[in-house]
Amino acid sequence: MKDGQKAGKEAPTLTLSCKGGDDGGRGVGTVKMKDDDKLAIDWAGPEGGYGGSVESFRRVGG
């Protein structure tokens, strides 16, 4: 995890590496909070592509 900014806002990046070498387009992503209870990771996708998946996570329970 590294600190960073995107469009003037805080946007830390998350970097993963897979033992087999294929990261499935999820090697580097920008981490964002949406509202107070949602986390989103905007994955960069494959090199030379148009971007990758966006995964979101929401807190459930208390």
PDB file of N, CA and C in Angstrom:
ATOM      1  N   MET A   1       0.847  -1.154   0.000  1.00  0.00           N
ATOM      2  CA  MET A   1       0.000   0.000   0.000  1.00  0.00           C
ATOM      3  C   MET A   1       0.900   1.226   0.000  1.00  0.00           C
ATOM      4  N   LYS A   2       0.627   2.167  -0.921  1.00  0.00           N
ATOM      5  CA  LYS A   2       1.390   3.409  -0.998  1.00  0.00           C
ATOM      6  C   LYS A   2       0.433   4.592  -1.004  1.00  0.00           C
ATOM      7  N   ASP A   3       0.854   5.676  -0.348  1.00  0.00           N
ATOM      8  CA  ASP A   3       0.090   6.915  -0.410  1.00  0.00           C
ATOM      9  C   ASP A   3       0.131   7.445  -1.831  1.00  0.00           C
ATOM     10  N   GLY A   4      -0.899   8.160  -2.221  1.00  0.00           N
ATOM     11  CA  GLY A   4      -0.922   8.765  -3.542  1.00  0.00           C
ATOM     12  C   GLY A   4      -2.090   9.702  -3.688  1.00  0.00           C
ATOM     13  N   GLN A   5      -2.132  10.406  -4.810  1.00  0.00           N
ATOM     14  CA  GLN A   5      -3.233  11.311  -5.106  1.00  0.00           C
ATOM     15  C   GLN A   5      -3.663  11.129  -6.550  1.00  0.00           C
ATOM     16  N   LYS A   6      -4.949  11.329  -6.786  1.00  0.00           N
ATOM     17  CA  LYS A   6      -5.520  11.253  -8.123  1.00  0.00           C
ATOM     18  C   LYS A   6      -6.556  12.357  -8.220  1.00  0.00           C
ATOM     19  N   ALA A   7      -6.418  13.232  -9.202  1.00  0.00           N
ATOM     20  CA  ALA A   7      -7.328  14.373  -9.387  1.00  0.00           C
ATOM     21  C   ALA A   7      -7.407  15.237  -8.129  1.00  0.00           C
ATOM     22  N   GLY A   8      -6.257  15.403  -7.452  1.00  0.00           N
ATOM     23  CA  GLY A   8      -6.206  16.258  -6.280  1.00  0.00           C
ATOM     24  C   GLY A   8      -6.780  15.675  -5.004  1.00  0.00           C
ATOM     25  N   LYS A   9      -7.179  14.404  -5.033  1.00  0.00           N
ATOM     26  CA  LYS A   9      -7.739  13.752  -3.852  1.00  0.00           C
ATOM     27  C   LYS A   9      -6.841  12.600  -3.419  1.00  0.00           C
ATOM     28  N   GLU A  10      -6.911  12.281  -2.145  1.00  0.00           N
ATOM     29  CA  GLU A  10      -6.141  11.157  -1.617  1.00  0.00           C
ATOM     30  C   GLU A  10      -6.585   9.875  -2.312  1.00  0.00           C
ATOM     31  N   ALA A  11      -5.615   9.135  -2.857  1.00  0.00           N
ATOM     32  CA  ALA A  11      -5.928   7.887  -3.563  1.00  0.00           C
ATOM     33  C   ALA A  11      -4.757   6.924  -3.405  1.00  0.00           C
ATOM     34  N   PRO A  12      -4.671   6.233  -2.259  1.00  0.00           N
ATOM     35  CA  PRO A  12      -3.585   5.280  -2.073  1.00  0.00           C
ATOM     36  C   PRO A  12      -3.696   4.125  -3.068  1.00  0.00           C
ATOM     37  N   THR A  13      -2.558   3.542  -3.426  1.00  0.00           N
ATOM     38  CA  THR A  13      -2.558   2.408  -4.343  1.00  0.00           C
ATOM     39  C   THR A  13      -2.184   1.129  -3.600  1.00  0.00           C
ATOM     40  N   LEU A  14      -2.779   0.056  -4.042  1.00  0.00           N
ATOM     41  CA  LEU A  14      -2.552  -1.277  -3.501  1.00  0.00           C
ATOM     42  C   LEU A  14      -1.874  -2.090  -4.595  1.00  0.00           C
ATOM     43  N   THR A  15      -0.761  -2.751  -4.270  1.00  0.00           N
ATOM     44  CA  THR A  15      -0.041  -3.567  -5.247  1.00  0.00           C
ATOM     45  C   THR A  15       0.015  -5.001  -4.749  1.00  0.00           C
ATOM     46  N   LEU A  16      -0.423  -5.934  -5.597  1.00  0.00           N
ATOM     47  CA  LEU A  16      -0.412  -7.361  -5.264  1.00  0.00           C
ATOM     48  C   LEU A  16       0.488  -8.103  -6.230  1.00  0.00           C
ATOM     49  N   SER A  17       1.048  -9.194  -5.789  1.00  0.00           N
ATOM     50  CA  SER A  17       1.778 -10.074  -6.698  1.00  0.00           C
ATOM     51  C   SER A  17       1.334 -11.503  -6.419  1.00  0.00           C
ATOM     52  N   CYS A  18       1.194 -12.268  -7.482  1.00  0.00           N
ATOM     53  CA  CYS A  18       0.727 -13.643  -7.367  1.00  0.00           C
ATOM     54  C   CYS A  18       1.881 -14.596  -7.583  1.00  0.00           C
ATOM     55  N   LYS A  19       1.915 -15.646  -6.821  1.00  0.00           N
ATOM     56  CA  LYS A  19       2.996 -16.619  -6.897  1.00  0.00           C
ATOM     57  C   LYS A  19       3.134 -17.194  -8.309  1.00  0.00           C
ATOM     58  N   GLY A  20       2.031 -17.460  -8.985  1.00  0.00           N
ATOM     59  CA  GLY A  20       2.067 -18.018 -10.333  1.00  0.00           C
ATOM     60  C   GLY A  20       2.355 -16.998 -11.414  1.00  0.00           C
ATOM     61  N   GLY A  21       2.324 -15.691 -11.072  1.00  0.00           N
ATOM     62  CA  GLY A  21       2.638 -14.645 -12.024  1.00  0.00           C
ATOM     63  C   GLY A  21       1.444 -14.016 -12.712  1.00  0.00           C
ATOM     64  N   ASP A  22       0.286 -14.688 -12.768  1.00  0.00           N
ATOM     65  CA  ASP A  22      -0.898 -14.121 -13.412  1.00  0.00           C
ATOM     66  C   ASP A  22      -1.770 -13.458 -12.353  1.00  0.00           C
ATOM     67  N   ASP A  23      -1.841 -12.127 -12.423  1.00  0.00           N
ATOM     68  CA  ASP A  23      -2.611 -11.408 -11.410  1.00  0.00           C
ATOM     69  C   ASP A  23      -4.069 -11.208 -11.802  1.00  0.00           C
ATOM     70  N   GLY A  24      -4.479 -11.691 -12.961  1.00  0.00           N
ATOM     71  CA  GLY A  24      -5.863 -11.571 -13.392  1.00  0.00           C
ATOM     72  C   GLY A  24      -6.311 -10.131 -13.575  1.00  0.00           C
ATOM     73  N   GLY A  25      -5.358  -9.219 -13.880  1.00  0.00           N
ATOM     74  CA  GLY A  25      -5.689  -7.811 -14.041  1.00  0.00           C
ATOM     75  C   GLY A  25      -5.846  -7.069 -12.734  1.00  0.00           C
ATOM     76  N   ARG A  26      -5.393  -7.690 -11.643  1.00  0.00           N
ATOM     77  CA  ARG A  26      -5.543  -7.089 -10.322  1.00  0.00           C
ATOM     78  C   ARG A  26      -4.183  -6.938  -9.638  1.00  0.00           C
ATOM     79  N   GLY A  27      -3.209  -6.442 -10.367  1.00  0.00           N
ATOM     80  CA  GLY A  27      -1.869  -6.253  -9.802  1.00  0.00           C
ATOM     81  C   GLY A  27      -1.721  -4.934  -9.081  1.00  0.00           C
ATOM     82  N   VAL A  28      -2.334  -3.867  -9.633  1.00  0.00           N
ATOM     83  CA  VAL A  28      -2.249  -2.530  -9.044  1.00  0.00           C
ATOM     84  C   VAL A  28      -3.635  -1.906  -9.080  1.00  0.00           C
ATOM     85  N   GLY A  29      -4.052  -1.351  -7.953  1.00  0.00           N
ATOM     86  CA  GLY A  29      -5.363  -0.708  -7.893  1.00  0.00           C
ATOM     87  C   GLY A  29      -5.357   0.512  -7.009  1.00  0.00           C
ATOM     88  N   THR A  30      -6.287   1.416  -7.257  1.00  0.00           N
ATOM     89  CA  THR A  30      -6.467   2.613  -6.440  1.00  0.00           C
ATOM     90  C   THR A  30      -7.573   2.342  -5.431  1.00  0.00           C
ATOM     91  N   VAL A  31      -7.293   2.637  -4.168  1.00  0.00           N
ATOM     92  CA  VAL A  31      -8.226   2.370  -3.077  1.00  0.00           C
ATOM     93  C   VAL A  31      -8.996   3.649  -2.749  1.00  0.00           C
ATOM     94  N   LYS A  32     -10.337   3.535  -2.652  1.00  0.00           N
ATOM     95  CA  LYS A  32     -11.185   4.696  -2.356  1.00  0.00           C
ATOM     96  C   LYS A  32     -12.249   4.311  -1.342  1.00  0.00           C
ATOM     97  N   MET A  33     -12.634   5.271  -0.525  1.00  0.00           N
ATOM     98  CA  MET A  33     -13.786   5.100   0.353  1.00  0.00           C
ATOM     99  C   MET A  33     -14.982   5.746  -0.335  1.00  0.00           C
ATOM    100  N   LYS A  34     -16.107   5.048  -0.316  1.00  0.00           N
ATOM    101  CA  LYS A  34     -17.346   5.585  -0.860  1.00  0.00           C
ATOM    102  C   LYS A  34     -18.336   5.617   0.290  1.00  0.00           C
ATOM    103  N   ASP A  35     -18.855   6.785   0.577  1.00  0.00           N
ATOM    104  CA  ASP A  35     -19.687   6.986   1.762  1.00  0.00           C
ATOM    105  C   ASP A  35     -18.866   6.625   2.997  1.00  0.00           C
ATOM    106  N   ASP A  36     -19.514   6.263   4.083  1.00  0.00           N
ATOM    107  CA  ASP A  36     -18.792   5.939   5.313  1.00  0.00           C
ATOM    108  C   ASP A  36     -18.537   4.449   5.484  1.00  0.00           C
ATOM    109  N   ASP A  37     -19.203   3.621   4.669  1.00  0.00           N
ATOM    110  CA  ASP A  37     -19.120   2.190   4.929  1.00  0.00           C
ATOM    111  C   ASP A  37     -18.742   1.349   3.713  1.00  0.00           C
ATOM    112  N   LYS A  38     -18.246   1.968   2.643  1.00  0.00           N
ATOM    113  CA  LYS A  38     -17.907   1.210   1.439  1.00  0.00           C
ATOM    114  C   LYS A  38     -16.470   1.474   1.019  1.00  0.00           C
ATOM    115  N   LEU A  39     -15.771   0.419   0.679  1.00  0.00           N
ATOM    116  CA  LEU A  39     -14.407   0.491   0.180  1.00  0.00           C
ATOM    117  C   LEU A  39     -14.423   0.000  -1.257  1.00  0.00           C
ATOM    118  N   ALA A  40     -13.782   0.734  -2.158  1.00  0.00           N
ATOM    119  CA  ALA A  40     -13.716   0.316  -3.560  1.00  0.00           C
ATOM    120  C   ALA A  40     -12.260   0.257  -3.998  1.00  0.00           C
ATOM    121  N   ILE A  41     -11.941  -0.747  -4.801  1.00  0.00           N
ATOM    122  CA  ILE A  41     -10.616  -0.863  -5.405  1.00  0.00           C
ATOM    123  C   ILE A  41     -10.804  -0.821  -6.911  1.00  0.00           C
ATOM    124  N   ASP A  42     -10.219   0.185  -7.541  1.00  0.00           N
ATOM    125  CA  ASP A  42     -10.290   0.382  -8.987  1.00  0.00           C
ATOM    126  C   ASP A  42      -9.001  -0.185  -9.577  1.00  0.00           C
ATOM    127  N   TRP A  43      -9.068  -1.412 -10.099  1.00  0.00           N
ATOM    128  CA  TRP A  43      -7.884  -2.097 -10.609  1.00  0.00           C
ATOM    129  C   TRP A  43      -7.457  -1.516 -11.952  1.00  0.00           C
ATOM    130  N   ALA A  44      -6.146  -1.410 -12.176  1.00  0.00           N
ATOM    131  CA  ALA A  44      -5.601  -0.824 -13.402  1.00  0.00           C
ATOM    132  C   ALA A  44      -5.879  -1.697 -14.620  1.00  0.00           C
ATOM    133  N   GLY A  45      -5.970  -3.004 -14.436  1.00  0.00           N
ATOM    134  CA  GLY A  45      -6.215  -3.914 -15.563  1.00  0.00           C
ATOM    135  C   GLY A  45      -4.925  -4.237 -16.304  1.00  0.00           C
ATOM    136  N   PRO A  46      -5.036  -4.993 -17.396  1.00  0.00           N
ATOM    137  CA  PRO A  46      -3.847  -5.398 -18.132  1.00  0.00           C
ATOM    138  C   PRO A  46      -3.180  -4.202 -18.818  1.00  0.00           C
ATOM    139  N   GLU A  47      -1.866  -4.275 -18.935  1.00  0.00           N
ATOM    140  CA  GLU A  47      -1.100  -3.218 -19.586  1.00  0.00           C
ATOM    141  C   GLU A  47      -1.566  -3.038 -21.028  1.00  0.00           C
ATOM    142  N   GLY A  48      -1.793  -1.785 -21.433  1.00  0.00           N
ATOM    143  CA  GLY A  48      -2.251  -1.512 -22.786  1.00  0.00           C
ATOM    144  C   GLY A  48      -3.750  -1.639 -22.960  1.00  0.00           C
ATOM    145  N   GLY A  49      -4.457  -1.989 -21.873  1.00  0.00           N
ATOM    146  CA  GLY A  49      -5.915  -2.162 -21.943  1.00  0.00           C
ATOM    147  C   GLY A  49      -6.642  -0.881 -21.571  1.00  0.00           C
ATOM    148  N   TYR A  50      -7.943  -1.004 -21.398  1.00  0.00           N
ATOM    149  CA  TYR A  50      -8.788   0.145 -21.081  1.00  0.00           C
ATOM    150  C   TYR A  50      -9.115   0.256 -19.610  1.00  0.00           C
ATOM    151  N   GLY A  51      -8.441  -0.440 -18.773  1.00  0.00           N
ATOM    152  CA  GLY A  51      -8.733  -0.421 -17.338  1.00  0.00           C
ATOM    153  C   GLY A  51      -9.264  -1.774 -16.905  1.00  0.00           C
ATOM    154  N   GLY A  52      -9.380  -1.911 -15.613  1.00  0.00           N
ATOM    155  CA  GLY A  52      -9.779  -3.209 -15.096  1.00  0.00           C
ATOM    156  C   GLY A  52     -11.070  -3.162 -14.312  1.00  0.00           C
ATOM    157  N   SER A  53     -11.256  -4.187 -13.546  1.00  0.00           N
ATOM    158  CA  SER A  53     -12.456  -4.336 -12.721  1.00  0.00           C
ATOM    159  C   SER A  53     -12.466  -3.332 -11.580  1.00  0.00           C
ATOM    160  N   VAL A  54     -13.649  -3.072 -11.070  1.00  0.00           N
ATOM    161  CA  VAL A  54     -13.817  -2.306  -9.836  1.00  0.00           C
ATOM    162  C   VAL A  54     -14.496  -3.250  -8.857  1.00  0.00           C
ATOM    163  N   GLU A  55     -13.877  -3.427  -7.710  1.00  0.00           N
ATOM    164  CA  GLU A  55     -14.471  -4.279  -6.684  1.00  0.00           C
ATOM    165  C   GLU A  55     -14.845  -3.394  -5.507  1.00  0.00           C
ATOM    166  N   SER A  56     -16.002  -3.650  -4.927  1.00  0.00           N
ATOM    167  CA  SER A  56     -16.417  -2.865  -3.783  1.00  0.00           C
ATOM    168  C   SER A  56     -16.764  -3.789  -2.627  1.00  0.00           C
ATOM    169  N   PHE A  57     -16.521  -3.263  -1.439  1.00  0.00           N
ATOM    170  CA  PHE A  57     -16.751  -4.017  -0.215  1.00  0.00           C
ATOM    171  C   PHE A  57     -17.540  -3.125   0.728  1.00  0.00           C
ATOM    172  N   ARG A  58     -18.491  -3.713   1.417  1.00  0.00           N
ATOM    173  CA  ARG A  58     -19.329  -2.943   2.326  1.00  0.00           C
ATOM    174  C   ARG A  58     -19.345  -3.620   3.688  1.00  0.00           C
ATOM    175  N   ARG A  59     -19.225  -2.828   4.720  1.00  0.00           N
ATOM    176  CA  ARG A  59     -19.258  -3.345   6.081  1.00  0.00           C
ATOM    177  C   ARG A  59     -20.664  -3.849   6.394  1.00  0.00           C
ATOM    178  N   VAL A  60     -20.727  -5.027   6.973  1.00  0.00           N
ATOM    179  CA  VAL A  60     -22.016  -5.618   7.343  1.00  0.00           C
ATOM    180  C   VAL A  60     -21.942  -5.957   8.829  1.00  0.00           C
ATOM    181  N   GLY A  61     -22.960  -5.595   9.548  1.00  0.00           N
ATOM    182  CA  GLY A  61     -22.992  -5.903  10.975  1.00  0.00           C
ATOM    183  C   GLY A  61     -22.245  -4.862  11.778  1.00  0.00           C
ATOM    184  N   GLY A  62     -22.112  -5.129  13.051  1.00  0.00           N
ATOM    185  CA  GLY A  62     -21.578  -4.081  13.870  1.00  0.00           C
ATOM    186  C   GLY A  62     -20.431  -4.398  14.688  1.00  0.00           C
TER     187      GLY A  62
END
